[in-house]
Amino acid sequence: MNNTVSDGFERRAPVKSYPKNAFGLYDMAGNVWEWTNDWYGTYYYQKLASSEISKNPKGPQKPFNEHLPMAQEKVIKGGSFLCSDTYCASYRISARMANSTDSASEHLGFRTVKRP
């Protein structure tokens, strides 16, 4: 894969570099992976789907990744500037990935929210 820099950015892009989506949100995918507050649980959403309807699920009470059972992992979402539709397996805003809480990189960040 080759980064052509056709969008004008080799790495991260400044906030609001691209148009907002239909919900008025900017940069929901492709700039940096975003930390969430939810612990990662391998089967959490599968269990949630078989139960009652949930509005704004908060994630499991404690982390569990079947591949790394002792890991303390949070959910990250959105993909990063290193992803493309042919490279990252979860390059879409509905996907969730596990990431260790002691991890850091230039393509991992967080979103702040301002209430009106």
PDB file of N, CA and C in Angstrom:
ATOM      1  N   MET A   1       0.845  -1.178   0.000  1.00  0.00           N
ATOM      2  CA  MET A   1       0.000   0.000   0.000  1.00  0.00           C
ATOM      3  C   MET A   1       0.888   1.239   0.000  1.00  0.00           C
ATOM      4  N   ASN A   2       0.489   2.269  -0.702  1.00  0.00           N
ATOM      5  CA  ASN A   2       1.280   3.485  -0.836  1.00  0.00           C
ATOM      6  C   ASN A   2       0.455   4.693  -0.426  1.00  0.00           C
ATOM      7  N   ASN A   3       0.986   5.518   0.460  1.00  0.00           N
ATOM      8  CA  ASN A   3       0.312   6.744   0.873  1.00  0.00           C
ATOM      9  C   ASN A   3       0.631   7.822  -0.158  1.00  0.00           C
ATOM     10  N   THR A   4      -0.357   8.183  -0.954  1.00  0.00           N
ATOM     11  CA  THR A   4      -0.150   9.182  -2.013  1.00  0.00           C
ATOM     12  C   THR A   4      -0.268  10.605  -1.502  1.00  0.00           C
ATOM     13  N   VAL A   5      -0.723  10.783  -0.268  1.00  0.00           N
ATOM     14  CA  VAL A   5      -0.927  12.094   0.352  1.00  0.00           C
ATOM     15  C   VAL A   5      -1.909  12.929  -0.494  1.00  0.00           C
ATOM     16  N   SER A   6      -2.795  12.259  -1.219  1.00  0.00           N
ATOM     17  CA  SER A   6      -3.755  12.955  -2.082  1.00  0.00           C
ATOM     18  C   SER A   6      -4.741  13.822  -1.302  1.00  0.00           C
ATOM     19  N   ASP A   7      -4.922  13.531  -0.005  1.00  0.00           N
ATOM     20  CA  ASP A   7      -5.811  14.361   0.822  1.00  0.00           C
ATOM     21  C   ASP A   7      -5.063  15.527   1.459  1.00  0.00           C
ATOM     22  N   GLY A   8      -3.747  15.589   1.240  1.00  0.00           N
ATOM     23  CA  GLY A   8      -2.948  16.676   1.786  1.00  0.00           C
ATOM     24  C   GLY A   8      -2.307  16.367   3.132  1.00  0.00           C
ATOM     25  N   PHE A   9      -2.537  15.165   3.662  1.00  0.00           N
ATOM     26  CA  PHE A   9      -2.010  14.812   4.977  1.00  0.00           C
ATOM     27  C   PHE A   9      -1.284  13.478   4.918  1.00  0.00           C
ATOM     28  N   GLU A  10      -0.055  13.479   5.396  1.00  0.00           N
ATOM     29  CA  GLU A  10       0.699  12.228   5.421  1.00  0.00           C
ATOM     30  C   GLU A  10       0.291  11.361   6.608  1.00  0.00           C
ATOM     31  N   ARG A  11      -0.039  12.000   7.708  1.00  0.00           N
ATOM     32  CA  ARG A  11      -0.433  11.272   8.918  1.00  0.00           C
ATOM     33  C   ARG A  11      -1.775  11.810   9.406  1.00  0.00           C
ATOM     34  N   ARG A  12      -1.832  12.233  10.683  1.00  0.00           N
ATOM     35  CA  ARG A  12      -3.088  12.762  11.237  1.00  0.00           C
ATOM     36  C   ARG A  12      -3.495  14.039  10.517  1.00  0.00           C
ATOM     37  N   ALA A  13      -4.784  14.235  10.419  1.00  0.00           N
ATOM     38  CA  ALA A  13      -5.335  15.468   9.847  1.00  0.00           C
ATOM     39  C   ALA A  13      -5.910  16.311  10.981  1.00  0.00           C
ATOM     40  N   PRO A  14      -5.859  17.616  10.860  1.00  0.00           N
ATOM     41  CA  PRO A  14      -6.479  18.460  11.888  1.00  0.00           C
ATOM     42  C   PRO A  14      -7.986  18.182  11.987  1.00  0.00           C
ATOM     43  N   VAL A  15      -8.544  18.361  13.172  1.00  0.00           N
ATOM     44  CA  VAL A  15      -9.980  18.165  13.387  1.00  0.00           C
ATOM     45  C   VAL A  15     -10.757  19.016  12.389  1.00  0.00           C
ATOM     46  N   LYS A  16     -11.844  18.460  11.882  1.00  0.00           N
ATOM     47  CA  LYS A  16     -12.747  19.103  10.917  1.00  0.00           C
ATOM     48  C   LYS A  16     -12.090  19.341   9.556  1.00  0.00           C
ATOM     49  N   SER A  17     -11.124  18.514   9.174  1.00  0.00           N
ATOM     50  CA  SER A  17     -10.512  18.615   7.846  1.00  0.00           C
ATOM     51  C   SER A  17     -11.429  18.078   6.761  1.00  0.00           C
ATOM     52  N   TYR A  18     -12.385  17.259   7.142  1.00  0.00           N
ATOM     53  CA  TYR A  18     -13.312  16.649   6.197  1.00  0.00           C
ATOM     54  C   TYR A  18     -14.740  17.004   6.601  1.00  0.00           C
ATOM     55  N   PRO A  19     -15.689  16.903   5.680  1.00  0.00           N
ATOM     56  CA  PRO A  19     -17.081  17.289   6.008  1.00  0.00           C
ATOM     57  C   PRO A  19     -17.672  16.437   7.123  1.00  0.00           C
ATOM     58  N   LYS A  20     -18.612  17.031   7.867  1.00  0.00           N
ATOM     59  CA  LYS A  20     -19.301  16.289   8.925  1.00  0.00           C
ATOM     60  C   LYS A  20     -20.239  15.267   8.297  1.00  0.00           C
ATOM     61  N   ASN A  21     -20.624  14.262   9.084  1.00  0.00           N
ATOM     62  CA  ASN A  21     -21.556  13.257   8.586  1.00  0.00           C
ATOM     63  C   ASN A  21     -22.995  13.737   8.783  1.00  0.00           C
ATOM     64  N   ALA A  22     -23.953  12.887   8.476  1.00  0.00           N
ATOM     65  CA  ALA A  22     -25.368  13.253   8.558  1.00  0.00           C
ATOM     66  C   ALA A  22     -25.818  13.584   9.988  1.00  0.00           C
ATOM     67  N   PHE A  23     -25.071  13.137  10.982  1.00  0.00           N
ATOM     68  CA  PHE A  23     -25.385  13.426  12.383  1.00  0.00           C
ATOM     69  C   PHE A  23     -24.655  14.659  12.892  1.00  0.00           C
ATOM     70  N   GLY A  24     -23.877  15.299  12.025  1.00  0.00           N
ATOM     71  CA  GLY A  24     -23.131  16.485  12.417  1.00  0.00           C
ATOM     72  C   GLY A  24     -21.820  16.180  13.118  1.00  0.00           C
ATOM     73  N   LEU A  25     -21.347  14.936  13.013  1.00  0.00           N
ATOM     74  CA  LEU A  25     -20.109  14.518  13.672  1.00  0.00           C
ATOM     75  C   LEU A  25     -18.941  14.529  12.690  1.00  0.00           C
ATOM     76  N   TYR A  26     -17.797  14.931  13.174  1.00  0.00           N
ATOM     77  CA  TYR A  26     -16.594  14.982  12.357  1.00  0.00           C
ATOM     78  C   TYR A  26     -15.645  13.836  12.723  1.00  0.00           C
ATOM     79  N   ASP A  27     -14.910  13.379  11.731  1.00  0.00           N
ATOM     80  CA  ASP A  27     -13.768  12.479  11.943  1.00  0.00           C
ATOM     81  C   ASP A  27     -14.112  11.203  12.707  1.00  0.00           C
ATOM     82  N   MET A  28     -15.185  10.568  12.324  1.00  0.00           N
ATOM     83  CA  MET A  28     -15.591   9.353  13.036  1.00  0.00           C
ATOM     84  C   MET A  28     -14.787   8.116  12.615  1.00  0.00           C
ATOM     85  N   ALA A  29     -14.097   8.171  11.502  1.00  0.00           N
ATOM     86  CA  ALA A  29     -13.277   7.037  11.071  1.00  0.00           C
ATOM     87  C   ALA A  29     -12.074   7.536  10.289  1.00  0.00           C
ATOM     88  N   GLY A  30     -10.958   6.880  10.524  1.00  0.00           N
ATOM     89  CA  GLY A  30      -9.813   7.071   9.657  1.00  0.00           C
ATOM     90  C   GLY A  30      -8.749   8.060  10.069  1.00  0.00           C
ATOM     91  N   ASN A  31      -8.906   8.806  11.128  1.00  0.00           N
ATOM     92  CA  ASN A  31      -7.845   9.725  11.541  1.00  0.00           C
ATOM     93  C   ASN A  31      -6.985   9.050  12.612  1.00  0.00           C
ATOM     94  N   VAL A  32      -7.557   8.788  13.766  1.00  0.00           N
ATOM     95  CA  VAL A  32      -6.892   7.988  14.803  1.00  0.00           C
ATOM     96  C   VAL A  32      -7.913   7.029  15.400  1.00  0.00           C
ATOM     97  N   TRP A  33      -7.436   5.867  15.850  1.00  0.00           N
ATOM     98  CA  TRP A  33      -8.293   5.000  16.642  1.00  0.00           C
ATOM     99  C   TRP A  33      -8.676   5.786  17.889  1.00  0.00           C
ATOM    100  N   GLU A  34      -9.895   5.651  18.346  1.00  0.00           N
ATOM    101  CA  GLU A  34     -10.339   6.400  19.519  1.00  0.00           C
ATOM    102  C   GLU A  34     -10.626   5.475  20.691  1.00  0.00           C
ATOM    103  N   TRP A  35     -10.012   5.826  21.833  1.00  0.00           N
ATOM    104  CA  TRP A  35     -10.302   5.116  23.067  1.00  0.00           C
ATOM    105  C   TRP A  35     -11.765   5.331  23.429  1.00  0.00           C
ATOM    106  N   THR A  36     -12.398   4.323  23.985  1.00  0.00           N
ATOM    107  CA  THR A  36     -13.714   4.492  24.591  1.00  0.00           C
ATOM    108  C   THR A  36     -13.571   4.186  26.084  1.00  0.00           C
ATOM    109  N   ASN A  37     -14.604   4.389  26.827  1.00  0.00           N
ATOM    110  CA  ASN A  37     -14.586   4.097  28.260  1.00  0.00           C
ATOM    111  C   ASN A  37     -14.939   2.643  28.552  1.00  0.00           C
ATOM    112  N   ASP A  38     -15.385   1.908  27.546  1.00  0.00           N
ATOM    113  CA  ASP A  38     -15.849   0.528  27.743  1.00  0.00           C
ATOM    114  C   ASP A  38     -14.698  -0.465  27.833  1.00  0.00           C
ATOM    115  N   TRP A  39     -14.789  -1.376  28.798  1.00  0.00           N
ATOM    116  CA  TRP A  39     -13.888  -2.516  28.818  1.00  0.00           C
ATOM    117  C   TRP A  39     -14.199  -3.383  27.619  1.00  0.00           C
ATOM    118  N   TYR A  40     -13.210  -4.091  27.111  1.00  0.00           N
ATOM    119  CA  TYR A  40     -13.429  -5.020  26.004  1.00  0.00           C
ATOM    120  C   TYR A  40     -13.880  -6.360  26.564  1.00  0.00           C
ATOM    121  N   GLY A  41     -14.962  -6.883  26.040  1.00  0.00           N
ATOM    122  CA  GLY A  41     -15.451  -8.209  26.401  1.00  0.00           C
ATOM    123  C   GLY A  41     -15.755  -8.972  25.123  1.00  0.00           C
ATOM    124  N   THR A  42     -15.092 -10.076  24.912  1.00  0.00           N
ATOM    125  CA  THR A  42     -15.234 -10.838  23.674  1.00  0.00           C
ATOM    126  C   THR A  42     -16.697 -11.101  23.329  1.00  0.00           C
ATOM    127  N   TYR A  43     -17.482 -11.497  24.293  1.00  0.00           N
ATOM    128  CA  TYR A  43     -18.871 -11.903  24.022  1.00  0.00           C
ATOM    129  C   TYR A  43     -19.905 -10.903  24.496  1.00  0.00           C
ATOM    130  N   TYR A  44     -19.501  -9.715  24.890  1.00  0.00           N
ATOM    131  CA  TYR A  44     -20.433  -8.753  25.485  1.00  0.00           C
ATOM    132  C   TYR A  44     -21.614  -8.436  24.567  1.00  0.00           C
ATOM    133  N   TYR A  45     -21.351  -8.055  23.326  1.00  0.00           N
ATOM    134  CA  TYR A  45     -22.455  -7.667  22.438  1.00  0.00           C
ATOM    135  C   TYR A  45     -23.290  -8.860  21.996  1.00  0.00           C
ATOM    136  N   GLN A  46     -22.686 -10.013  21.919  1.00  0.00           N
ATOM    137  CA  GLN A  46     -23.439 -11.225  21.615  1.00  0.00           C
ATOM    138  C   GLN A  46     -24.450 -11.514  22.727  1.00  0.00           C
ATOM    139  N   LYS A  47     -24.012 -11.387  23.970  1.00  0.00           N
ATOM    140  CA  LYS A  47     -24.912 -11.577  25.112  1.00  0.00           C
ATOM    141  C   LYS A  47     -25.969 -10.484  25.159  1.00  0.00           C
ATOM    142  N   LEU A  48     -25.577  -9.261  24.855  1.00  0.00           N
ATOM    143  CA  LEU A  48     -26.510  -8.137  24.868  1.00  0.00           C
ATOM    144  C   LEU A  48     -27.613  -8.330  23.824  1.00  0.00           C
ATOM    145  N   ALA A  49     -27.260  -8.834  22.651  1.00  0.00           N
ATOM    146  CA  ALA A  49     -28.229  -9.039  21.570  1.00  0.00           C
ATOM    147  C   ALA A  49     -29.280 -10.076  21.934  1.00  0.00           C
ATOM    148  N   SER A  50     -28.928 -11.017  22.803  1.00  0.00           N
ATOM    149  CA  SER A  50     -29.889 -12.058  23.175  1.00  0.00           C
ATOM    150  C   SER A  50     -30.753 -11.654  24.364  1.00  0.00           C
ATOM    151  N   SER A  51     -30.559 -10.446  24.869  1.00  0.00           N
ATOM    152  CA  SER A  51     -31.352  -9.989  26.011  1.00  0.00           C
ATOM    153  C   SER A  51     -32.259  -8.843  25.590  1.00  0.00           C
ATOM    154  N   GLU A  52     -32.634  -8.022  26.516  1.00  0.00           N
ATOM    155  CA  GLU A  52     -33.556  -6.922  26.241  1.00  0.00           C
ATOM    156  C   GLU A  52     -32.893  -5.815  25.414  1.00  0.00           C
ATOM    157  N   ILE A  53     -33.693  -4.925  24.897  1.00  0.00           N
ATOM    158  CA  ILE A  53     -33.186  -3.783  24.148  1.00  0.00           C
ATOM    159  C   ILE A  53     -32.401  -2.879  25.094  1.00  0.00           C
ATOM    160  N   SER A  54     -31.272  -2.411  24.633  1.00  0.00           N
ATOM    161  CA  SER A  54     -30.420  -1.583  25.466  1.00  0.00           C
ATOM    162  C   SER A  54     -30.139  -0.257  24.774  1.00  0.00           C
ATOM    163  N   LYS A  55     -30.286   0.823  25.500  1.00  0.00           N
ATOM    164  CA  LYS A  55     -29.957   2.142  24.980  1.00  0.00           C
ATOM    165  C   LYS A  55     -28.627   2.568  25.588  1.00  0.00           C
ATOM    166  N   ASN A  56     -27.662   2.878  24.747  1.00  0.00           N
ATOM    167  CA  ASN A  56     -26.324   3.276  25.183  1.00  0.00           C
ATOM    168  C   ASN A  56     -25.708   2.259  26.145  1.00  0.00           C
ATOM    169  N   PRO A  57     -25.432   1.042  25.648  1.00  0.00           N
ATOM    170  CA  PRO A  57     -24.816   0.045  26.519  1.00  0.00           C
ATOM    171  C   PRO A  57     -23.457   0.534  27.018  1.00  0.00           C
ATOM    172  N   LYS A  58     -23.158   0.242  28.257  1.00  0.00           N
ATOM    173  CA  LYS A  58     -21.936   0.734  28.903  1.00  0.00           C
ATOM    174  C   LYS A  58     -20.775  -0.241  28.835  1.00  0.00           C
ATOM    175  N   GLY A  59     -20.961  -1.387  28.230  1.00  0.00           N
ATOM    176  CA  GLY A  59     -19.887  -2.372  28.165  1.00  0.00           C
ATOM    177  C   GLY A  59     -19.874  -3.255  29.395  1.00  0.00           C
ATOM    178  N   PRO A  60     -19.012  -4.270  29.375  1.00  0.00           N
ATOM    179  CA  PRO A  60     -18.954  -5.193  30.509  1.00  0.00           C
ATOM    180  C   PRO A  60     -18.384  -4.526  31.757  1.00  0.00           C
ATOM    181  N   GLN A  61     -18.647  -5.126  32.898  1.00  0.00           N
ATOM    182  CA  GLN A  61     -18.147  -4.602  34.177  1.00  0.00           C
ATOM    183  C   GLN A  61     -16.639  -4.779  34.323  1.00  0.00           C
ATOM    184  N   LYS A  62     -16.098  -5.809  33.666  1.00  0.00           N
ATOM    185  CA  LYS A  62     -14.659  -6.050  33.712  1.00  0.00           C
ATOM    186  C   LYS A  62     -14.208  -6.581  32.355  1.00  0.00           C
ATOM    187  N   PRO A  63     -12.929  -6.427  32.034  1.00  0.00           N
ATOM    188  CA  PRO A  63     -12.445  -6.849  30.723  1.00  0.00           C
ATOM    189  C   PRO A  63     -12.298  -8.357  30.606  1.00  0.00           C
ATOM    190  N   PHE A  64     -12.518  -8.862  29.389  1.00  0.00           N
ATOM    191  CA  PHE A  64     -12.209 -10.261  29.089  1.00  0.00           C
ATOM    192  C   PHE A  64     -12.028 -10.418  27.587  1.00  0.00           C
ATOM    193  N   ASN A  65     -10.837 -10.825  27.207  1.00  0.00           N
ATOM    194  CA  ASN A  65     -10.530 -11.155  25.825  1.00  0.00           C
ATOM    195  C   ASN A  65     -10.149 -12.624  25.819  1.00  0.00           C
ATOM    196  N   GLU A  66     -10.900 -13.429  25.084  1.00  0.00           N
ATOM    197  CA  GLU A  66     -10.649 -14.873  25.099  1.00  0.00           C
ATOM    198  C   GLU A  66      -9.232 -15.228  24.625  1.00  0.00           C
ATOM    199  N   HIS A  67      -8.620 -14.365  23.828  1.00  0.00           N
ATOM    200  CA  HIS A  67      -7.274 -14.625  23.325  1.00  0.00           C
ATOM    201  C   HIS A  67      -6.182 -14.141  24.284  1.00  0.00           C
ATOM    202  N   LEU A  68      -6.514 -13.184  25.140  1.00  0.00           N
ATOM    203  CA  LEU A  68      -5.583 -12.641  26.147  1.00  0.00           C
ATOM    204  C   LEU A  68      -6.339 -12.470  27.465  1.00  0.00           C
ATOM    205  N   PRO A  69      -6.679 -13.561  28.133  1.00  0.00           N
ATOM    206  CA  PRO A  69      -7.571 -13.499  29.297  1.00  0.00           C
ATOM    207  C   PRO A  69      -7.109 -12.616  30.456  1.00  0.00           C
ATOM    208  N   MET A  70      -5.821 -12.375  30.593  1.00  0.00           N
ATOM    209  CA  MET A  70      -5.319 -11.555  31.694  1.00  0.00           C
ATOM    210  C   MET A  70      -5.159 -10.084  31.313  1.00  0.00           C
ATOM    211  N   ALA A  71      -5.399  -9.760  30.062  1.00  0.00           N
ATOM    212  CA  ALA A  71      -5.187  -8.393  29.583  1.00  0.00           C
ATOM    213  C   ALA A  71      -6.247  -7.436  30.117  1.00  0.00           C
ATOM    214  N   GLN A  72      -5.824  -6.217  30.394  1.00  0.00           N
ATOM    215  CA  GLN A  72      -6.740  -5.140  30.788  1.00  0.00           C
ATOM    216  C   GLN A  72      -6.936  -4.287  29.539  1.00  0.00           C
ATOM    217  N   GLU A  73      -8.004  -4.548  28.778  1.00  0.00           N
ATOM    218  CA  GLU A  73      -8.190  -3.890  27.487  1.00  0.00           C
ATOM    219  C   GLU A  73      -9.477  -3.078  27.446  1.00  0.00           C
ATOM    220  N   LYS A  74      -9.379  -1.940  26.813  1.00  0.00           N
ATOM    221  CA  LYS A  74     -10.535  -1.090  26.537  1.00  0.00           C
ATOM    222  C   LYS A  74     -10.870  -1.210  25.058  1.00  0.00           C
ATOM    223  N   VAL A  75     -12.061  -0.775  24.686  1.00  0.00           N
ATOM    224  CA  VAL A  75     -12.492  -0.775  23.294  1.00  0.00           C
ATOM    225  C   VAL A  75     -11.946   0.473  22.595  1.00  0.00           C
ATOM    226  N   ILE A  76     -11.418   0.278  21.392  1.00  0.00           N
ATOM    227  CA  ILE A  76     -11.069   1.393  20.514  1.00  0.00           C
ATOM    228  C   ILE A  76     -11.924   1.265  19.265  1.00  0.00           C
ATOM    229  N   LYS A  77     -12.229   2.408  18.661  1.00  0.00           N
ATOM    230  CA  LYS A  77     -13.107   2.425  17.488  1.00  0.00           C
ATOM    231  C   LYS A  77     -12.589   3.414  16.452  1.00  0.00           C
ATOM    232  N   GLY A  78     -12.983   3.208  15.197  1.00  0.00           N
ATOM    233  CA  GLY A  78     -12.816   4.205  14.157  1.00  0.00           C
ATOM    234  C   GLY A  78     -11.720   4.024  13.143  1.00  0.00           C
ATOM    235  N   GLY A  79     -10.692   3.256  13.421  1.00  0.00           N
ATOM    236  CA  GLY A  79      -9.593   3.136  12.470  1.00  0.00           C
ATOM    237  C   GLY A  79      -8.668   4.339  12.515  1.00  0.00           C
ATOM    238  N   SER A  80      -7.567   4.264  11.788  1.00  0.00           N
ATOM    239  CA  SER A  80      -6.601   5.350  11.821  1.00  0.00           C
ATOM    240  C   SER A  80      -6.120   5.692  10.423  1.00  0.00           C
ATOM    241  N   PHE A  81      -5.250   6.682  10.346  1.00  0.00           N
ATOM    242  CA  PHE A  81      -4.696   7.077   9.062  1.00  0.00           C
ATOM    243  C   PHE A  81      -3.838   5.963   8.453  1.00  0.00           C
ATOM    244  N   LEU A  82      -3.464   4.974   9.256  1.00  0.00           N
ATOM    245  CA  LEU A  82      -2.714   3.834   8.735  1.00  0.00           C
ATOM    246  C   LEU A  82      -3.614   2.803   8.070  1.00  0.00           C
ATOM    247  N   CYS A  83      -4.929   2.921   8.242  1.00  0.00           N
ATOM    248  CA  CYS A  83      -5.880   1.957   7.695  1.00  0.00           C
ATOM    249  C   CYS A  83      -6.329   2.342   6.289  1.00  0.00           C
ATOM    250  N   SER A  84      -6.789   1.359   5.587  1.00  0.00           N
ATOM    251  CA  SER A  84      -7.478   1.565   4.315  1.00  0.00           C
ATOM    252  C   SER A  84      -8.510   0.455   4.197  1.00  0.00           C
ATOM    253  N   ASP A  85      -9.339   0.536   3.197  1.00  0.00           N
ATOM    254  CA  ASP A  85     -10.373  -0.495   3.051  1.00  0.00           C
ATOM    255  C   ASP A  85      -9.771  -1.867   2.723  1.00  0.00           C
ATOM    256  N   THR A  86      -8.512  -1.923   2.348  1.00  0.00           N
ATOM    257  CA  THR A  86      -7.868  -3.201   2.056  1.00  0.00           C
ATOM    258  C   THR A  86      -6.899  -3.643   3.146  1.00  0.00           C
ATOM    259  N   TYR A  87      -6.682  -2.823   4.173  1.00  0.00           N
ATOM    260  CA  TYR A  87      -5.672  -3.150   5.174  1.00  0.00           C
ATOM    261  C   TYR A  87      -6.265  -3.487   6.542  1.00  0.00           C
ATOM    262  N   CYS A  88      -7.043  -2.628   7.140  1.00  0.00           N
ATOM    263  CA  CYS A  88      -7.580  -2.874   8.482  1.00  0.00           C
ATOM    264  C   CYS A  88      -8.847  -3.713   8.412  1.00  0.00           C
ATOM    265  N   ALA A  89      -8.911  -4.736   9.249  1.00  0.00           N
ATOM    266  CA  ALA A  89     -10.080  -5.612   9.269  1.00  0.00           C
ATOM    267  C   ALA A  89     -11.315  -4.907   9.812  1.00  0.00           C
ATOM    268  N   SER A  90     -11.141  -3.897  10.626  1.00  0.00           N
ATOM    269  CA  SER A  90     -12.280  -3.243  11.281  1.00  0.00           C
ATOM    270  C   SER A  90     -12.319  -1.751  10.982  1.00  0.00           C
ATOM    271  N   TYR A  91     -12.124  -1.402   9.758  1.00  0.00           N
ATOM    272  CA  TYR A  91     -12.085   0.001   9.342  1.00  0.00           C
ATOM    273  C   TYR A  91     -13.510   0.491   9.042  1.00  0.00           C
ATOM    274  N   ARG A  92     -14.314   0.591  10.093  1.00  0.00           N
ATOM    275  CA  ARG A  92     -15.677   1.115  10.005  1.00  0.00           C
ATOM    276  C   ARG A  92     -16.076   1.543  11.410  1.00  0.00           C
ATOM    277  N   ILE A  93     -16.969   2.520  11.509  1.00  0.00           N
ATOM    278  CA  ILE A  93     -17.259   3.086  12.828  1.00  0.00           C
ATOM    279  C   ILE A  93     -18.032   2.141  13.741  1.00  0.00           C
ATOM    280  N   SER A  94     -18.691   1.139  13.191  1.00  0.00           N
ATOM    281  CA  SER A  94     -19.443   0.203  14.027  1.00  0.00           C
ATOM    282  C   SER A  94     -18.545  -0.886  14.622  1.00  0.00           C
ATOM    283  N   ALA A  95     -17.330  -1.022  14.139  1.00  0.00           N
ATOM    284  CA  ALA A  95     -16.430  -2.062  14.627  1.00  0.00           C
ATOM    285  C   ALA A  95     -15.817  -1.654  15.963  1.00  0.00           C
ATOM    286  N   ARG A  96     -15.393  -2.642  16.713  1.00  0.00           N
ATOM    287  CA  ARG A  96     -14.691  -2.378  17.964  1.00  0.00           C
ATOM    288  C   ARG A  96     -13.501  -3.315  18.034  1.00  0.00           C
ATOM    289  N   MET A  97     -12.415  -2.789  18.553  1.00  0.00           N
ATOM    290  CA  MET A  97     -11.189  -3.561  18.693  1.00  0.00           C
ATOM    291  C   MET A  97     -10.737  -3.444  20.151  1.00  0.00           C
ATOM    292  N   ALA A  98      -9.982  -4.434  20.613  1.00  0.00           N
ATOM    293  CA  ALA A  98      -9.422  -4.401  21.969  1.00  0.00           C
ATOM    294  C   ALA A  98      -8.039  -3.781  21.913  1.00  0.00           C
ATOM    295  N   ASN A  99      -7.720  -2.977  22.929  1.00  0.00           N
ATOM    296  CA  ASN A  99      -6.386  -2.403  23.021  1.00  0.00           C
ATOM    297  C   ASN A  99      -5.996  -2.281  24.490  1.00  0.00           C
ATOM    298  N   SER A 100      -4.788  -2.682  24.791  1.00  0.00           N
ATOM    299  CA  SER A 100      -4.283  -2.653  26.152  1.00  0.00           C
ATOM    300  C   SER A 100      -4.263  -1.230  26.701  1.00  0.00           C
ATOM    301  N   THR A 101      -4.617  -1.088  27.947  1.00  0.00           N
ATOM    302  CA  THR A 101      -4.694   0.249  28.555  1.00  0.00           C
ATOM    303  C   THR A 101      -3.330   0.886  28.763  1.00  0.00           C
ATOM    304  N   ASP A 102      -2.258   0.130  28.634  1.00  0.00           N
ATOM    305  CA  ASP A 102      -0.921   0.716  28.769  1.00  0.00           C
ATOM    306  C   ASP A 102      -0.266   0.953  27.403  1.00  0.00           C
ATOM    307  N   SER A 103      -1.083   1.007  26.369  1.00  0.00           N
ATOM    308  CA  SER A 103      -0.591   1.193  25.010  1.00  0.00           C
ATOM    309  C   SER A 103      -0.713   2.649  24.570  1.00  0.00           C
ATOM    310  N   ALA A 104       0.214   3.082  23.738  1.00  0.00           N
ATOM    311  CA  ALA A 104       0.165   4.430  23.173  1.00  0.00           C
ATOM    312  C   ALA A 104       0.821   4.404  21.798  1.00  0.00           C
ATOM    313  N   SER A 105       0.324   5.232  20.895  1.00  0.00           N
ATOM    314  CA  SER A 105       0.920   5.363  19.573  1.00  0.00           C
ATOM    315  C   SER A 105       0.397   6.637  18.927  1.00  0.00           C
ATOM    316  N   GLU A 106       1.010   7.036  17.838  1.00  0.00           N
ATOM    317  CA  GLU A 106       0.589   8.283  17.202  1.00  0.00           C
ATOM    318  C   GLU A 106      -0.752   8.169  16.477  1.00  0.00           C
ATOM    319  N   HIS A 107      -1.255   6.963  16.319  1.00  0.00           N
ATOM    320  CA  HIS A 107      -2.543   6.801  15.649  1.00  0.00           C
ATOM    321  C   HIS A 107      -3.624   6.291  16.605  1.00  0.00           C
ATOM    322  N   LEU A 108      -3.504   6.685  17.873  1.00  0.00           N
ATOM    323  CA  LEU A 108      -4.468   6.328  18.905  1.00  0.00           C
ATOM    324  C   LEU A 108      -4.736   7.565  19.754  1.00  0.00           C
ATOM    325  N   GLY A 109      -5.988   7.928  19.894  1.00  0.00           N
ATOM    326  CA  GLY A 109      -6.323   9.130  20.643  1.00  0.00           C
ATOM    327  C   GLY A 109      -7.662   8.988  21.346  1.00  0.00           C
ATOM    328  N   PHE A 110      -8.299  10.100  21.626  1.00  0.00           N
ATOM    329  CA  PHE A 110      -9.609  10.065  22.273  1.00  0.00           C
ATOM    330  C   PHE A 110     -10.416  11.256  21.788  1.00  0.00           C
ATOM    331  N   ARG A 111     -11.709  11.180  21.983  1.00  0.00           N
ATOM    332  CA  ARG A 111     -12.637  12.219  21.559  1.00  0.00           C
ATOM    333  C   ARG A 111     -13.154  12.920  22.794  1.00  0.00           C
ATOM    334  N   THR A 112     -13.201  14.217  22.752  1.00  0.00           N
ATOM    335  CA  THR A 112     -13.805  14.964  23.839  1.00  0.00           C
ATOM    336  C   THR A 112     -15.201  15.399  23.413  1.00  0.00           C
ATOM    337  N   VAL A 113     -16.067  15.561  24.367  1.00  0.00           N
ATOM    338  CA  VAL A 113     -17.448  15.939  24.089  1.00  0.00           C
ATOM    339  C   VAL A 113     -17.783  17.199  24.853  1.00  0.00           C
ATOM    340  N   LYS A 114     -18.415  18.122  24.179  1.00  0.00           N
ATOM    341  CA  LYS A 114     -18.872  19.347  24.818  1.00  0.00           C
ATOM    342  C   LYS A 114     -20.386  19.355  24.747  1.00  0.00           C
ATOM    343  N   ARG A 115     -21.004  19.441  25.871  1.00  0.00           N
ATOM    344  CA  ARG A 115     -22.477  19.511  25.902  1.00  0.00           C
ATOM    345  C   ARG A 115     -22.913  20.926  25.572  1.00  0.00           C
ATOM    346  N   PRO A 116     -23.985  21.064  24.794  1.00  0.00           N
ATOM    347  CA  PRO A 116     -24.464  22.411  24.433  1.00  0.00           C
ATOM    348  C   PRO A 116     -25.013  23.165  25.620  1.00  0.00           C
TER     349      PRO A 116
END
